[in-house]
């Protein structure tokens, strides 16, 4: 046998092995990033579920302690129902925006009722809800960070070649709805 042919075979085998190692490592990295993103999303869902579980108690406490716009309570209840019924991640993100908005209107409305704020059950629920809102913010931030890392793996070369081959696609960030930074107004004169 010719040593140059043996050397060529060894070089080809070495290149194939390196290529297989690169593909394996790249694929495992994509899987790891996607799983981290999915785990972060599960935390977002957990916190929204906690909020959805607290809302009926908050609404019943508010109903029992004050009379005010039924439409505000109805909007919160409808938004909660939409979130609970959402199936996909995109549907849940859209429903969460509606729930955020309805809850903000409820909280602004409640500020006009000083007697309600003195009810211990209401204060306890508001403390829990405030903690939940903080957890939601943290979970959303963590989810967006996981999406950012995943999307970088999917979009950057040479990972984008593997991502395209194995069907990995970029994911959407959890963004606030337009106008979410505007405080809702409550007018009792109408």
Protein backbone atom coordinates (compact mmCIF):
# COMPACT_ATOMS: atom_id res chain seq x y z
CA UNK A 1 0.00 0.00 0.00
CA UNK A 2 1.05 3.49 -0.72
CA UNK A 3 1.64 5.67 2.36
CA UNK A 4 0.17 8.73 0.62
CA UNK A 5 -3.11 6.87 0.08
CA UNK A 6 -3.19 5.80 3.72
CA UNK A 7 -2.46 9.34 4.81
CA UNK A 8 -5.25 10.67 2.55
CA UNK A 9 -7.69 8.16 4.01
CA UNK A 10 -6.67 9.22 7.54
CA UNK A 11 -7.10 12.89 6.68
CA UNK A 12 -10.55 12.24 5.19
CA UNK A 13 -11.57 10.18 8.24
CA UNK A 14 -10.25 12.95 10.51
CA UNK A 15 -12.24 15.61 8.63
CA UNK A 16 -15.40 13.49 8.77
CA UNK A 17 -14.95 12.91 12.51
CA UNK A 18 -14.39 16.63 13.14
CA UNK A 19 -17.43 17.49 11.04
CA UNK A 20 -19.57 14.99 12.96
CA UNK A 21 -18.31 16.37 16.28
CA UNK A 22 -19.12 19.92 15.12
CA UNK A 23 -22.64 18.91 14.00
CA UNK A 24 -23.25 17.05 17.25
CA UNK A 25 -22.04 19.90 19.43
CA UNK A 26 -23.99 22.48 17.42
CA UNK A 27 -27.19 20.44 17.54
CA UNK A 28 -26.83 19.84 21.28
CA UNK A 29 -26.26 23.56 21.81
CA UNK A 30 -29.44 24.38 19.89
CA UNK A 31 -31.41 21.83 21.92
CA UNK A 32 -29.98 23.19 25.18
CA UNK A 33 -30.90 26.77 24.24
CA UNK A 34 -34.41 25.79 23.18
CA UNK A 35 -34.97 23.87 26.41
CA UNK A 36 -33.75 26.83 28.47
CA UNK A 37 -36.16 29.07 26.56
CA UNK A 38 -39.04 26.64 27.12
CA UNK A 39 -38.21 26.43 30.83
CA UNK A 40 -38.22 30.23 31.05
CA UNK A 41 -41.57 30.30 29.28
CA UNK A 42 -42.94 27.82 31.81
CA UNK A 43 -41.99 30.28 34.57
CA UNK A 44 -43.85 33.07 32.76
CA UNK A 45 -46.92 30.83 32.54
CA UNK A 46 -46.62 29.87 36.20
CA UNK A 47 -46.63 33.50 37.31
CA UNK A 48 -49.54 34.42 35.04
CA UNK A 49 -51.43 31.42 36.39
CA UNK A 50 -50.74 32.60 39.94
CA UNK A 51 -52.11 36.01 38.99
CA UNK A 52 -55.16 34.45 37.35
CA UNK A 53 -55.78 32.42 40.52
CA UNK A 54 -55.55 35.53 42.73
CA UNK A 55 -57.89 37.67 40.61
CA UNK A 56 -61.22 36.03 41.55
CA UNK A 57 -60.47 36.58 45.24
CA UNK A 58 -59.43 40.17 44.61
CA UNK A 59 -62.56 40.85 42.55
CA UNK A 60 -64.84 39.30 45.18
CA UNK A 61 -63.16 41.35 47.91
CA UNK A 62 -63.56 44.51 45.88
CA UNK A 63 -67.21 43.70 45.13
CA UNK A 64 -67.88 43.14 48.79
CA UNK A 65 -66.24 46.35 49.95
CA UNK A 66 -67.15 48.87 47.25
CA UNK A 67 -69.67 49.60 44.52
CA UNK A 68 -68.14 50.82 41.32
CA UNK A 69 -68.07 50.24 37.59
CA UNK A 70 -69.20 46.73 36.81
CA UNK A 71 -67.51 47.03 33.42
CA UNK A 72 -64.05 47.21 35.01
CA UNK A 73 -64.64 43.95 36.90
CA UNK A 74 -66.12 42.38 33.80
CA UNK A 75 -63.07 43.35 31.72
CA UNK A 76 -60.71 41.77 34.26
CA UNK A 77 -62.81 38.61 34.37
CA UNK A 78 -62.98 38.39 30.55
CA UNK A 79 -59.24 39.01 30.21
CA UNK A 80 -58.51 36.30 32.78
CA UNK A 81 -60.78 33.88 30.89
CA UNK A 82 -58.99 34.65 27.61
CA UNK A 83 -55.61 33.97 29.21
CA UNK A 84 -56.82 30.75 30.78
CA UNK A 85 -58.22 29.59 27.40
CA UNK A 86 -55.18 30.52 25.32
CA UNK A 87 -53.43 27.48 23.91
CA UNK A 88 -50.28 28.56 22.12
CA UNK A 89 -47.45 30.71 23.37
CA UNK A 90 -48.47 33.50 20.95
CA UNK A 91 -52.09 33.39 22.15
CA UNK A 92 -50.95 33.53 25.78
CA UNK A 93 -48.69 36.52 25.06
CA UNK A 94 -51.59 38.37 23.39
CA UNK A 95 -54.00 37.47 26.20
CA UNK A 96 -51.45 38.55 28.83
CA UNK A 97 -51.43 42.03 27.32
CA UNK A 98 -55.20 42.27 27.69
CA UNK A 99 -54.97 41.02 31.26
CA UNK A 100 -52.24 43.55 32.05
CA UNK A 101 -54.41 46.37 30.71
CA UNK A 102 -57.61 45.29 32.48
CA UNK A 103 -55.78 44.80 35.76
CA UNK A 104 -54.20 48.25 35.49
CA UNK A 105 -57.68 49.78 35.05
CA UNK A 106 -58.93 47.85 38.09
CA UNK A 107 -56.04 49.02 40.25
CA UNK A 108 -56.47 52.66 39.19
CA UNK A 109 -60.20 52.43 39.93
CA UNK A 110 -59.57 50.92 43.36
CA UNK A 111 -57.40 53.88 44.35
CA UNK A 112 -60.55 56.02 44.46
CA UNK A 113 -61.95 53.88 47.31
CA UNK A 114 -60.06 54.62 50.56
CA UNK A 115 -62.43 52.42 52.60
CA UNK A 116 -61.50 49.45 50.39
CA UNK A 117 -57.81 49.97 50.99
CA UNK A 118 -58.37 49.60 54.73
CA UNK A 119 -59.93 46.13 54.41
CA UNK A 120 -57.31 43.60 55.58
CA UNK A 121 -58.29 40.94 53.04
CA UNK A 122 -57.89 43.46 50.24
CA UNK A 123 -54.50 44.59 51.52
CA UNK A 124 -53.32 40.99 51.77
CA UNK A 125 -54.47 40.21 48.25
CA UNK A 126 -52.88 43.38 46.90
CA UNK A 127 -49.59 42.43 48.54
CA UNK A 128 -49.76 39.00 46.92
CA UNK A 129 -50.71 40.55 43.59
CA UNK A 130 -47.85 43.05 43.82
CA UNK A 131 -45.42 40.20 44.47
CA UNK A 132 -46.88 38.29 41.55
CA UNK A 133 -46.49 41.30 39.26
CA UNK A 134 -42.83 41.51 40.26
CA UNK A 135 -42.41 37.78 39.58
CA UNK A 136 -44.10 38.19 36.19
CA UNK A 137 -41.68 40.98 35.29
CA UNK A 138 -38.72 38.85 36.31
CA UNK A 139 -40.03 35.77 34.48
CA UNK A 140 -40.68 37.80 31.32
CA UNK A 141 -37.18 39.29 31.49
CA UNK A 142 -35.64 35.83 31.97
CA UNK A 143 -37.72 34.43 29.09
CA UNK A 144 -36.61 37.23 26.77
CA UNK A 145 -32.98 36.60 27.72
CA UNK A 146 -33.40 32.88 26.94
CA UNK A 147 -35.02 33.80 23.60
CA UNK A 148 -32.13 36.16 22.84
CA UNK A 149 -29.55 33.44 23.48
CA UNK A 150 -31.52 30.89 21.47
CA UNK A 151 -32.04 33.32 18.57
CA UNK A 152 -28.33 34.12 18.47
CA UNK A 153 -27.55 30.41 18.12
CA UNK A 154 -30.14 30.07 15.37
CA UNK A 155 -29.12 33.18 13.43
CA UNK A 156 -25.31 33.31 13.69
CA UNK A 157 -23.02 31.54 11.28
CA UNK A 158 -22.22 28.64 11.28
CA UNK A 159 -25.03 27.71 13.68
CA UNK A 160 -27.61 29.05 11.24
CA UNK A 161 -26.61 26.31 8.79
CA UNK A 162 -27.32 23.61 11.38
CA UNK A 163 -30.43 25.39 12.62
CA UNK A 164 -31.85 25.53 9.10
CA UNK A 165 -30.97 21.91 8.46
CA UNK A 166 -32.62 20.70 11.67
CA UNK A 167 -35.63 23.04 11.47
CA UNK A 168 -34.82 25.46 14.32
CA UNK A 169 -36.40 28.88 13.76
CA UNK A 170 -36.07 32.16 15.69
CA UNK A 171 -38.62 32.75 18.47
CA UNK A 172 -40.55 35.93 19.28
CA UNK A 173 -39.79 38.02 22.35
CA UNK A 174 -42.44 38.77 24.95
CA UNK A 175 -43.13 42.44 24.29
CA UNK A 176 -45.50 44.89 25.93
CA UNK A 177 -48.61 45.94 24.06
CA UNK A 178 -48.70 49.39 22.50
CA UNK A 179 -49.81 51.89 25.12
CA UNK A 180 -48.84 49.66 28.05
CA UNK A 181 -46.69 52.50 29.38
CA UNK A 182 -49.74 54.81 29.62
CA UNK A 183 -51.60 54.85 32.92
CA UNK A 184 -55.32 54.23 32.37
CA UNK A 185 -57.71 56.98 33.40
CA UNK A 186 -60.80 56.42 35.48
CA UNK A 187 -63.64 58.92 35.34
CA UNK A 188 -66.60 58.48 37.71
CA UNK A 189 -68.43 61.55 36.41
CA UNK A 190 -69.89 59.78 33.38
